[in-house]
Amino acid sequence: MKIAISCLSPLVQSSLEYFLKDSVTSEAECDFIITDDENRRDTKPLCLVLDEAYSHIRKPFNTQSLNEDLAAFYEKLTYSHKNTESSSLHTMNNALSQSANITDLESRIRTLCDESAKALADNIIALLKTR
């Protein structure tokens, strides 16, 4: 698991860097980004560390709770990614074999993105309900 950390709070940033020093990498090479900025948008998945019920990482955190929360987030992320890959390959193969026009292909891509976002949200909600 490769993690980038990008927090607005210097205290949260340095604490996470200390606890996760063996897993920290650049944003370009990471699997996901841990952030305390809920308004941040990125192409990489965001793992939120907030004082909110929907936060992926509970605050205050210690080594054990942080590792548990990250393992749960990463498990949901990889599960969602595997389902998305399978669905994406199937849909893309169908689109190419039918010689779909660009408008149809764009529509299919949007649908896949929406389905992936919904699946990720459902997985996160299910995770939060188990706590």
N, C-alpha and C. Protein backbone atom coordinates (compact mmCIF):
# COMPACT_ATOMS: atom_id res chain seq x y z
N MET A 1 0.86 -1.17 0.00
CA MET A 1 0.00 0.00 0.00
C MET A 1 0.91 1.23 0.00
N LYS A 2 0.76 2.05 -1.04
CA LYS A 2 1.53 3.30 -1.16
C LYS A 2 0.59 4.47 -0.91
N ILE A 3 0.99 5.33 0.03
CA ILE A 3 0.11 6.39 0.50
C ILE A 3 0.79 7.74 0.36
N ALA A 4 0.03 8.72 -0.13
CA ALA A 4 0.47 10.12 -0.10
C ALA A 4 -0.35 10.82 0.98
N ILE A 5 0.28 11.79 1.64
CA ILE A 5 -0.40 12.53 2.70
C ILE A 5 -0.39 14.00 2.32
N SER A 6 -1.57 14.61 2.31
CA SER A 6 -1.69 16.02 1.96
C SER A 6 -2.76 16.65 2.85
N CYS A 7 -2.34 17.12 4.01
CA CYS A 7 -3.28 17.67 4.99
C CYS A 7 -3.08 19.16 5.18
N LEU A 8 -4.17 19.85 5.44
CA LEU A 8 -4.11 21.28 5.74
C LEU A 8 -3.53 21.52 7.13
N SER A 9 -3.84 20.64 8.06
CA SER A 9 -3.35 20.76 9.43
C SER A 9 -1.93 20.22 9.53
N PRO A 10 -0.98 21.06 9.94
CA PRO A 10 0.40 20.58 10.09
C PRO A 10 0.52 19.46 11.13
N LEU A 11 -0.30 19.52 12.17
CA LEU A 11 -0.25 18.49 13.21
C LEU A 11 -0.71 17.14 12.67
N VAL A 12 -1.81 17.13 11.94
CA VAL A 12 -2.31 15.88 11.35
C VAL A 12 -1.31 15.37 10.32
N GLN A 13 -0.78 16.27 9.50
CA GLN A 13 0.20 15.91 8.47
C GLN A 13 1.41 15.23 9.10
N SER A 14 2.01 15.86 10.10
CA SER A 14 3.23 15.30 10.70
C SER A 14 2.93 14.01 11.47
N SER A 15 1.77 13.92 12.12
CA SER A 15 1.41 12.69 12.84
C SER A 15 1.27 11.52 11.86
N LEU A 16 0.56 11.76 10.77
CA LEU A 16 0.39 10.69 9.78
C LEU A 16 1.73 10.29 9.16
N GLU A 17 2.56 11.27 8.85
CA GLU A 17 3.88 10.96 8.29
C GLU A 17 4.70 10.12 9.26
N TYR A 18 4.60 10.42 10.56
CA TYR A 18 5.33 9.66 11.56
C TYR A 18 4.82 8.22 11.63
N PHE A 19 3.50 8.04 11.74
CA PHE A 19 2.92 6.70 11.86
C PHE A 19 3.08 5.87 10.59
N LEU A 20 3.09 6.53 9.44
CA LEU A 20 3.07 5.81 8.16
C LEU A 20 4.37 5.95 7.37
N LYS A 21 5.45 6.27 8.07
CA LYS A 21 6.71 6.60 7.38
C LYS A 21 7.17 5.54 6.38
N ASP A 22 6.84 4.27 6.60
CA ASP A 22 7.27 3.21 5.69
C ASP A 22 6.38 3.09 4.44
N SER A 23 5.23 3.74 4.45
CA SER A 23 4.28 3.62 3.33
C SER A 23 4.12 4.90 2.52
N VAL A 24 4.72 5.99 2.98
CA VAL A 24 4.51 7.30 2.35
C VAL A 24 5.31 7.39 1.05
N THR A 25 4.63 7.90 0.02
CA THR A 25 5.26 8.11 -1.28
C THR A 25 4.68 9.38 -1.89
N SER A 26 5.09 9.70 -3.09
CA SER A 26 4.59 10.91 -3.76
C SER A 26 3.16 10.68 -4.25
N GLU A 27 2.47 11.78 -4.53
CA GLU A 27 1.10 11.67 -5.04
C GLU A 27 1.06 10.98 -6.40
N ALA A 28 2.11 11.13 -7.18
CA ALA A 28 2.14 10.50 -8.50
C ALA A 28 2.23 8.98 -8.40
N GLU A 29 2.87 8.46 -7.35
CA GLU A 29 3.09 7.02 -7.22
C GLU A 29 2.16 6.32 -6.25
N CYS A 30 1.29 7.07 -5.58
CA CYS A 30 0.49 6.49 -4.50
C CYS A 30 -0.74 5.73 -5.01
N ASP A 31 -1.27 4.88 -4.12
CA ASP A 31 -2.54 4.19 -4.38
C ASP A 31 -3.71 5.10 -4.02
N PHE A 32 -3.53 5.92 -2.97
CA PHE A 32 -4.55 6.87 -2.54
C PHE A 32 -3.90 7.97 -1.71
N ILE A 33 -4.67 9.03 -1.48
CA ILE A 33 -4.17 10.20 -0.75
C ILE A 33 -4.98 10.36 0.53
N ILE A 34 -4.26 10.53 1.65
CA ILE A 34 -4.92 10.85 2.91
C ILE A 34 -4.95 12.37 3.02
N THR A 35 -6.13 12.92 3.30
CA THR A 35 -6.28 14.37 3.40
C THR A 35 -7.31 14.74 4.45
N ASP A 36 -7.16 15.95 4.98
CA ASP A 36 -8.18 16.49 5.89
C ASP A 36 -8.97 17.60 5.20
N ASP A 37 -8.80 17.72 3.89
CA ASP A 37 -9.49 18.72 3.09
C ASP A 37 -10.65 18.04 2.35
N GLU A 38 -11.86 18.16 2.92
CA GLU A 38 -13.00 17.47 2.31
C GLU A 38 -13.45 18.10 1.00
N ASN A 39 -12.91 19.26 0.65
CA ASN A 39 -13.25 19.91 -0.62
C ASN A 39 -12.26 19.57 -1.72
N ARG A 40 -11.23 18.83 -1.40
CA ARG A 40 -10.21 18.48 -2.38
C ARG A 40 -10.78 17.52 -3.42
N ARG A 41 -10.40 17.73 -4.65
CA ARG A 41 -10.78 16.84 -5.75
C ARG A 41 -9.49 16.35 -6.39
N ASP A 42 -9.45 15.07 -6.71
CA ASP A 42 -8.23 14.49 -7.27
C ASP A 42 -8.62 13.28 -8.10
N THR A 43 -7.72 12.86 -8.98
CA THR A 43 -7.96 11.65 -9.76
C THR A 43 -7.69 10.41 -8.92
N LYS A 44 -6.90 10.55 -7.88
CA LYS A 44 -6.62 9.44 -6.97
C LYS A 44 -7.71 9.37 -5.90
N PRO A 45 -7.98 8.19 -5.37
CA PRO A 45 -8.95 8.08 -4.27
C PRO A 45 -8.48 8.86 -3.05
N LEU A 46 -9.43 9.47 -2.35
CA LEU A 46 -9.11 10.27 -1.16
C LEU A 46 -9.60 9.55 0.08
N CYS A 47 -8.71 9.43 1.05
CA CYS A 47 -9.04 8.86 2.36
C CYS A 47 -9.11 10.04 3.33
N LEU A 48 -10.31 10.31 3.82
CA LEU A 48 -10.52 11.50 4.64
C LEU A 48 -10.23 11.24 6.11
N VAL A 49 -9.54 12.20 6.73
CA VAL A 49 -9.31 12.18 8.17
C VAL A 49 -9.91 13.47 8.72
N LEU A 50 -11.14 13.34 9.25
CA LEU A 50 -11.91 14.50 9.69
C LEU A 50 -12.55 14.20 11.05
N ASP A 51 -13.15 15.23 11.63
CA ASP A 51 -13.93 15.07 12.85
C ASP A 51 -15.40 14.86 12.50
N GLU A 52 -15.66 14.02 11.52
CA GLU A 52 -17.02 13.76 11.04
C GLU A 52 -17.30 12.27 11.06
N ALA A 53 -18.56 11.90 11.11
CA ALA A 53 -18.95 10.49 11.14
C ALA A 53 -18.54 9.75 9.86
N TYR A 54 -18.50 10.46 8.74
CA TYR A 54 -18.18 9.82 7.46
C TYR A 54 -16.68 9.77 7.17
N SER A 55 -15.87 10.18 8.12
CA SER A 55 -14.42 10.15 7.96
C SER A 55 -13.93 8.71 7.82
N HIS A 56 -12.95 8.48 6.95
CA HIS A 56 -12.38 7.15 6.79
C HIS A 56 -11.44 6.80 7.94
N ILE A 57 -10.76 7.82 8.47
CA ILE A 57 -9.85 7.62 9.59
C ILE A 57 -10.43 8.33 10.81
N ARG A 58 -10.62 7.57 11.88
CA ARG A 58 -11.20 8.12 13.11
C ARG A 58 -10.17 9.00 13.82
N LYS A 59 -10.64 10.12 14.35
CA LYS A 59 -9.79 10.99 15.15
C LYS A 59 -10.32 11.01 16.56
N PRO A 60 -9.47 11.05 17.56
CA PRO A 60 -8.01 10.94 17.46
C PRO A 60 -7.62 9.51 17.10
N PHE A 61 -6.46 9.37 16.47
CA PHE A 61 -6.02 8.05 16.07
C PHE A 61 -4.72 7.68 16.77
N ASN A 62 -4.52 6.38 16.88
CA ASN A 62 -3.25 5.84 17.36
C ASN A 62 -2.78 4.84 16.30
N THR A 63 -1.66 4.21 16.53
CA THR A 63 -1.12 3.29 15.53
C THR A 63 -2.12 2.20 15.16
N GLN A 64 -2.73 1.60 16.16
CA GLN A 64 -3.66 0.50 15.90
C GLN A 64 -4.91 0.96 15.16
N SER A 65 -5.55 2.02 15.64
CA SER A 65 -6.78 2.48 14.98
C SER A 65 -6.50 2.98 13.57
N LEU A 66 -5.36 3.64 13.39
CA LEU A 66 -4.98 4.12 12.06
C LEU A 66 -4.79 2.95 11.10
N ASN A 67 -4.07 1.92 11.55
CA ASN A 67 -3.85 0.75 10.69
C ASN A 67 -5.16 0.03 10.37
N GLU A 68 -6.06 -0.07 11.35
CA GLU A 68 -7.36 -0.70 11.10
C GLU A 68 -8.18 0.09 10.08
N ASP A 69 -8.21 1.40 10.26
CA ASP A 69 -8.99 2.25 9.35
C ASP A 69 -8.42 2.22 7.94
N LEU A 70 -7.09 2.25 7.84
CA LEU A 70 -6.46 2.20 6.52
C LEU A 70 -6.68 0.85 5.85
N ALA A 71 -6.60 -0.22 6.61
CA ALA A 71 -6.83 -1.56 6.05
C ALA A 71 -8.26 -1.66 5.51
N ALA A 72 -9.22 -1.15 6.27
CA ALA A 72 -10.62 -1.18 5.82
C ALA A 72 -10.80 -0.34 4.56
N PHE A 73 -10.22 0.85 4.54
CA PHE A 73 -10.33 1.73 3.37
C PHE A 73 -9.70 1.06 2.15
N TYR A 74 -8.50 0.50 2.32
CA TYR A 74 -7.78 -0.11 1.21
C TYR A 74 -8.51 -1.35 0.69
N GLU A 75 -9.09 -2.13 1.60
CA GLU A 75 -9.85 -3.31 1.20
C GLU A 75 -11.05 -2.90 0.34
N LYS A 76 -11.78 -1.91 0.78
CA LYS A 76 -12.93 -1.42 0.01
C LYS A 76 -12.47 -0.85 -1.34
N LEU A 77 -11.36 -0.17 -1.32
CA LEU A 77 -10.82 0.43 -2.54
C LEU A 77 -10.44 -0.64 -3.55
N THR A 78 -9.72 -1.67 -3.11
CA THR A 78 -9.30 -2.72 -4.04
C THR A 78 -10.48 -3.55 -4.51
N TYR A 79 -11.46 -3.80 -3.62
CA TYR A 79 -12.66 -4.54 -4.02
C TYR A 79 -13.43 -3.76 -5.08
N SER A 80 -13.61 -2.48 -4.85
CA SER A 80 -14.32 -1.63 -5.79
C SER A 80 -13.56 -1.55 -7.11
N HIS A 81 -12.23 -1.45 -7.04
CA HIS A 81 -11.41 -1.35 -8.24
C HIS A 81 -11.51 -2.62 -9.08
N LYS A 82 -11.49 -3.80 -8.44
CA LYS A 82 -11.60 -5.06 -9.18
C LYS A 82 -12.94 -5.16 -9.89
N ASN A 83 -14.01 -4.79 -9.21
CA ASN A 83 -15.35 -4.82 -9.83
C ASN A 83 -15.43 -3.83 -10.97
N THR A 84 -14.85 -2.66 -10.80
CA THR A 84 -14.87 -1.64 -11.83
C THR A 84 -14.08 -2.08 -13.05
N GLU A 85 -12.90 -2.69 -12.82
CA GLU A 85 -12.08 -3.16 -13.94
C GLU A 85 -12.84 -4.20 -14.76
N SER A 86 -13.44 -5.16 -14.11
CA SER A 86 -14.17 -6.21 -14.80
C SER A 86 -15.32 -5.63 -15.61
N SER A 87 -16.08 -4.77 -14.99
CA SER A 87 -17.21 -4.13 -15.65
C SER A 87 -16.73 -3.24 -16.79
N SER A 88 -15.64 -2.52 -16.57
CA SER A 88 -15.11 -1.61 -17.58
C SER A 88 -14.63 -2.37 -18.81
N LEU A 89 -13.88 -3.46 -18.60
CA LEU A 89 -13.37 -4.23 -19.73
C LEU A 89 -14.51 -4.82 -20.54
N HIS A 90 -15.49 -5.35 -19.89
CA HIS A 90 -16.64 -5.94 -20.58
C HIS A 90 -17.36 -4.87 -21.40
N THR A 91 -17.62 -3.74 -20.81
CA THR A 91 -18.34 -2.66 -21.50
C THR A 91 -17.51 -2.11 -22.65
N MET A 92 -16.22 -1.92 -22.44
CA MET A 92 -15.37 -1.37 -23.50
C MET A 92 -15.26 -2.36 -24.67
N ASN A 93 -15.14 -3.64 -24.40
CA ASN A 93 -15.09 -4.64 -25.48
C ASN A 93 -16.37 -4.63 -26.29
N ASN A 94 -17.50 -4.54 -25.62
CA ASN A 94 -18.78 -4.45 -26.34
C ASN A 94 -18.85 -3.20 -27.19
N ALA A 95 -18.39 -2.09 -26.65
CA ALA A 95 -18.44 -0.83 -27.38
C ALA A 95 -17.57 -0.89 -28.63
N LEU A 96 -16.38 -1.46 -28.51
CA LEU A 96 -15.48 -1.54 -29.65
C LEU A 96 -16.00 -2.52 -30.70
N SER A 97 -16.53 -3.65 -30.27
CA SER A 97 -17.01 -4.65 -31.23
C SER A 97 -18.23 -4.16 -31.99
N GLN A 98 -18.98 -3.26 -31.43
CA GLN A 98 -20.17 -2.72 -32.10
C GLN A 98 -19.83 -1.46 -32.90
N SER A 99 -18.56 -1.10 -32.97
CA SER A 99 -18.12 0.11 -33.67
C SER A 99 -18.97 1.32 -33.26
N ALA A 100 -19.07 1.51 -31.96
CA ALA A 100 -19.89 2.60 -31.42
C ALA A 100 -19.32 3.94 -31.84
N ASN A 101 -20.22 4.88 -32.09
CA ASN A 101 -19.76 6.22 -32.42
C ASN A 101 -19.27 6.90 -31.15
N ILE A 102 -18.63 8.04 -31.29
CA ILE A 102 -18.01 8.72 -30.16
C ILE A 102 -19.04 9.14 -29.12
N THR A 103 -20.19 9.59 -29.53
CA THR A 103 -21.22 10.01 -28.58
C THR A 103 -21.67 8.84 -27.72
N ASP A 104 -21.87 7.69 -28.35
CA ASP A 104 -22.28 6.49 -27.61
C ASP A 104 -21.18 6.07 -26.64
N LEU A 105 -19.94 6.13 -27.08
CA LEU A 105 -18.81 5.76 -26.23
C LEU A 105 -18.71 6.70 -25.03
N GLU A 106 -18.88 8.00 -25.25
CA GLU A 106 -18.85 8.96 -24.15
C GLU A 106 -19.96 8.67 -23.14
N SER A 107 -21.11 8.32 -23.63
CA SER A 107 -22.23 7.99 -22.75
C SER A 107 -21.91 6.75 -21.91
N ARG A 108 -21.31 5.77 -22.53
CA ARG A 108 -20.94 4.55 -21.80
C ARG A 108 -19.87 4.84 -20.75
N ILE A 109 -18.92 5.68 -21.09
CA ILE A 109 -17.87 6.04 -20.13
C ILE A 109 -18.48 6.77 -18.94
N ARG A 110 -19.40 7.70 -19.21
CA ARG A 110 -20.08 8.41 -18.11
C ARG A 110 -20.84 7.44 -17.22
N THR A 111 -21.53 6.49 -17.84
CA THR A 111 -22.28 5.49 -17.07
C THR A 111 -21.35 4.67 -16.19
N LEU A 112 -20.21 4.24 -16.75
CA LEU A 112 -19.24 3.48 -15.96
C LEU A 112 -18.71 4.30 -14.79
N CYS A 113 -18.42 5.56 -15.04
CA CYS A 113 -17.92 6.43 -13.97
C CYS A 113 -18.98 6.59 -12.88
N ASP A 114 -20.22 6.79 -13.28
CA ASP A 114 -21.30 6.93 -12.30
C ASP A 114 -21.48 5.64 -11.49
N GLU A 115 -21.43 4.49 -12.18
CA GLU A 115 -21.57 3.21 -11.48
C GLU A 115 -20.43 2.99 -10.50
N SER A 116 -19.21 3.34 -10.93
CA SER A 116 -18.04 3.18 -10.05
C SER A 116 -18.15 4.09 -8.84
N ALA A 117 -18.57 5.32 -9.04
CA ALA A 117 -18.72 6.25 -7.92
C ALA A 117 -19.78 5.75 -6.96
N LYS A 118 -20.88 5.23 -7.49
CA LYS A 118 -21.95 4.70 -6.62
C LYS A 118 -21.46 3.48 -5.85
N ALA A 119 -20.73 2.59 -6.53
CA ALA A 119 -20.22 1.39 -5.86
C ALA A 119 -19.26 1.77 -4.73
N LEU A 120 -18.39 2.75 -4.99
CA LEU A 120 -17.46 3.20 -3.95
C LEU A 120 -18.22 3.83 -2.79
N ALA A 121 -19.20 4.65 -3.09
CA ALA A 121 -19.99 5.28 -2.02
C ALA A 121 -20.74 4.22 -1.21
N ASP A 122 -21.31 3.23 -1.89
CA ASP A 122 -22.02 2.15 -1.19
C ASP A 122 -21.07 1.38 -0.28
N ASN A 123 -19.85 1.12 -0.77
CA ASN A 123 -18.87 0.40 0.04
C ASN A 123 -18.46 1.21 1.26
N ILE A 124 -18.29 2.49 1.09
CA ILE A 124 -17.90 3.36 2.21
C ILE A 124 -19.03 3.43 3.23
N ILE A 125 -20.26 3.58 2.75
CA ILE A 125 -21.42 3.63 3.66
C ILE A 125 -21.54 2.32 4.42
N ALA A 126 -21.35 1.20 3.73
CA ALA A 126 -21.42 -0.11 4.40
C ALA A 126 -20.34 -0.22 5.47
N LEU A 127 -19.15 0.27 5.16
CA LEU A 127 -18.05 0.25 6.13
C LEU A 127 -18.40 1.09 7.35
N LEU A 128 -18.96 2.25 7.12
CA LEU A 128 -19.30 3.13 8.23
C LEU A 128 -20.42 2.53 9.09
N LYS A 129 -21.33 1.80 8.49
CA LYS A 129 -22.42 1.19 9.24
C LYS A 129 -21.92 0.06 10.14
N THR A 130 -20.78 -0.55 9.78
CA THR A 130 -20.25 -1.66 10.59
C THR A 130 -19.54 -1.17 11.83
N ARG A 131 -19.35 0.12 11.96
CA ARG A 131 -18.63 0.65 13.13
C ARG A 131 -19.55 0.91 14.25
